[in-house]
Amino acid sequence: MNSELIGLTGVVVGALLAMITQIILSRRQWREQLRVAALEKRLATHQEAYVLCHKLRCNVWNRTQERGELDRQFGDWWVRNCLYLGPRSRQALDSFSRQFALLDPANPATSMDKVKEFLDEFYRPALVALAEEVALPPLNDHEDP
């Protein structure tokens, strides 16, 4: 009877340990899947932001409705995606978009110097932040990290 009880206890303890191990492994696997999905979304979001910044920069002097439409597109995109951006990118893009909205090509005070200042202080730093925060590893040995 004693050996049967010890055997039963061993089976129960073994089953509990197996369940606990399975739960821990499932949680780790779930976290890893979530991390990979978030990483993929972050990469896509950074790439979209890069494209939008370039489109906005190309329309700095544009006085048509296209400029305003691009600004609205960026605002809509921002609301849907800003949480996927890294903190530096989020800050840099926020500053970039605010300064872009302030640049008025119809205003005579908007000189080439002001546009150059905008590009140096807001556009380029935004692109650098986007590229650095995704920090893609090299695909082969011939590519610099």
Protein backbone atom coordinates (compact mmCIF):
# COMPACT_ATOMS: atom_id res chain seq x y z
CA MET A 1 0.00 0.00 0.00
CA ASN A 2 2.82 2.39 0.87
CA SER A 3 4.66 1.78 -2.37
CA GLU A 4 1.41 2.25 -4.30
CA LEU A 5 0.84 5.63 -2.58
CA ILE A 6 4.41 6.69 -3.27
CA GLY A 7 4.02 5.63 -6.91
CA LEU A 8 0.74 7.56 -7.23
CA THR A 9 2.30 10.63 -5.63
CA GLY A 10 5.20 10.41 -8.06
CA VAL A 11 2.81 10.24 -11.01
CA VAL A 12 0.80 13.24 -9.75
CA VAL A 13 3.94 15.30 -9.07
CA GLY A 14 5.36 14.35 -12.46
CA ALA A 15 2.12 15.35 -14.19
CA LEU A 16 2.05 18.68 -12.32
CA LEU A 17 5.65 19.41 -13.26
CA ALA A 18 4.90 18.56 -16.90
CA MET A 19 1.87 20.91 -16.88
CA ILE A 20 3.83 23.75 -15.27
CA THR A 21 6.65 23.29 -17.76
CA GLN A 22 4.16 23.31 -20.64
CA ILE A 23 2.52 26.51 -19.33
CA ILE A 24 5.89 28.24 -18.99
CA LEU A 25 6.96 27.17 -22.48
CA SER A 26 3.61 28.25 -23.95
CA ARG A 27 3.94 31.69 -22.37
CA ARG A 28 7.48 32.08 -23.68
CA GLN A 29 6.40 30.99 -27.15
CA TRP A 30 3.45 33.40 -27.07
CA ARG A 31 5.73 36.27 -26.02
CA GLU A 32 8.20 35.43 -28.77
CA GLN A 33 5.44 35.34 -31.38
CA LEU A 34 4.15 38.69 -30.13
CA ARG A 35 7.67 40.14 -30.21
CA VAL A 36 8.24 38.97 -33.79
CA ALA A 37 4.86 40.37 -34.91
CA ALA A 38 5.59 43.70 -33.21
CA LEU A 39 9.05 43.79 -34.77
CA GLU A 40 7.60 43.23 -38.24
CA LYS A 41 4.97 45.95 -37.66
CA ARG A 42 7.63 48.32 -36.32
CA LEU A 43 9.81 47.79 -39.38
CA ALA A 44 6.86 48.38 -41.73
CA THR A 45 5.82 51.48 -39.78
CA HIS A 46 9.32 52.96 -39.89
CA GLN A 47 9.47 52.34 -43.64
CA GLU A 48 6.07 54.00 -44.17
CA ALA A 49 7.22 56.98 -42.11
CA TYR A 50 10.37 57.25 -44.19
CA VAL A 51 8.30 57.37 -47.39
CA LEU A 52 5.87 59.93 -45.96
CA CYS A 53 8.73 62.18 -44.82
CA HIS A 54 10.20 62.06 -48.30
CA LYS A 55 6.83 62.93 -49.88
CA LEU A 56 6.39 65.86 -47.51
CA ARG A 57 9.92 67.10 -48.19
CA CYS A 58 9.27 66.97 -51.94
CA ASN A 59 6.25 69.21 -51.40
CA VAL A 60 7.79 71.89 -49.20
CA TRP A 61 7.36 74.52 -51.95
CA ASN A 62 4.09 73.12 -53.28
CA ARG A 63 1.25 75.63 -52.97
CA THR A 64 -1.47 73.32 -54.20
CA GLN A 65 -3.96 71.23 -52.29
CA GLU A 66 -1.61 68.27 -52.66
CA ARG A 67 0.59 69.69 -49.90
CA GLY A 68 -2.35 69.97 -47.53
CA GLU A 69 -3.56 66.50 -48.49
CA LEU A 70 -0.13 65.03 -47.74
CA ASP A 71 -0.12 66.79 -44.39
CA ARG A 72 -3.55 65.29 -43.62
CA GLN A 73 -2.37 61.84 -44.77
CA PHE A 74 0.58 62.11 -42.42
CA GLY A 75 -1.74 63.11 -39.56
CA ASP A 76 -4.03 60.14 -40.21
CA TRP A 77 -1.04 57.82 -40.51
CA TRP A 78 0.37 59.22 -37.26
CA VAL A 79 -2.79 58.43 -35.31
CA ARG A 80 -2.81 54.83 -36.60
CA ASN A 81 0.91 54.12 -36.20
CA CYS A 82 2.76 56.34 -33.72
CA LEU A 83 2.84 53.71 -30.98
CA TYR A 84 4.81 51.35 -33.23
CA LEU A 85 7.59 53.89 -33.60
CA GLY A 86 10.58 53.93 -31.29
CA PRO A 87 10.77 56.89 -28.89
CA ARG A 88 13.40 58.82 -30.88
CA SER A 89 11.52 58.35 -34.13
CA ARG A 90 8.24 59.36 -32.53
CA GLN A 91 9.78 62.59 -31.18
CA ALA A 92 11.64 63.39 -34.42
CA LEU A 93 8.57 62.80 -36.62
CA ASP A 94 6.35 64.84 -34.33
CA SER A 95 8.77 67.78 -34.58
CA PHE A 96 9.16 67.26 -38.33
CA SER A 97 5.41 67.28 -39.02
CA ARG A 98 4.76 70.31 -36.82
CA GLN A 99 7.51 72.30 -38.51
CA PHE A 100 6.34 71.19 -41.96
CA ALA A 101 2.86 72.52 -41.19
CA LEU A 102 4.38 75.88 -40.19
CA LEU A 103 6.29 76.28 -43.46
CA ASP A 104 4.04 78.31 -45.72
CA PRO A 105 5.30 78.52 -49.30
CA ALA A 106 2.86 81.37 -50.01
CA ASN A 107 4.45 83.48 -47.28
CA PRO A 108 7.30 85.65 -48.59
CA ALA A 109 9.08 85.14 -45.25
CA THR A 110 9.53 81.46 -46.14
CA SER A 111 12.93 81.76 -47.72
CA MET A 112 15.31 79.17 -49.06
CA ASP A 113 17.29 79.60 -45.82
CA LYS A 114 14.22 78.68 -43.77
CA VAL A 115 13.64 75.59 -45.88
CA LYS A 116 17.30 74.59 -45.58
CA GLU A 117 17.05 75.08 -41.80
CA PHE A 118 13.92 72.90 -41.77
CA LEU A 119 15.69 70.16 -43.73
CA ASP A 120 18.80 70.27 -41.53
CA GLU A 121 17.02 70.48 -38.17
CA PHE A 122 13.93 68.33 -38.71
CA TYR A 123 13.91 66.30 -41.93
CA ARG A 124 17.37 64.73 -41.78
CA PRO A 125 17.24 63.96 -38.04
CA ALA A 126 13.86 62.25 -38.55
CA LEU A 127 15.31 60.01 -41.26
CA VAL A 128 18.35 59.19 -39.13
CA ALA A 129 16.15 58.31 -36.12
CA LEU A 130 13.96 56.07 -38.28
CA ALA A 131 16.93 54.21 -39.74
CA GLU A 132 18.78 53.83 -36.44
CA GLU A 133 15.81 52.57 -34.46
CA VAL A 134 15.10 49.69 -36.79
CA ALA A 135 18.83 48.81 -36.90
CA LEU A 136 18.52 45.95 -39.32
CA PRO A 137 21.28 43.37 -39.14
CA PRO A 138 23.34 42.83 -42.28
CA LEU A 139 21.98 40.21 -44.67
CA ASN A 140 25.42 38.89 -45.59
CA ASP A 141 29.12 39.28 -44.77
CA HIS A 142 29.66 41.87 -47.50
CA GLU A 143 27.20 44.35 -46.02
CA ASP A 144 28.18 46.84 -43.32
CA PRO A 145 26.06 46.67 -40.14
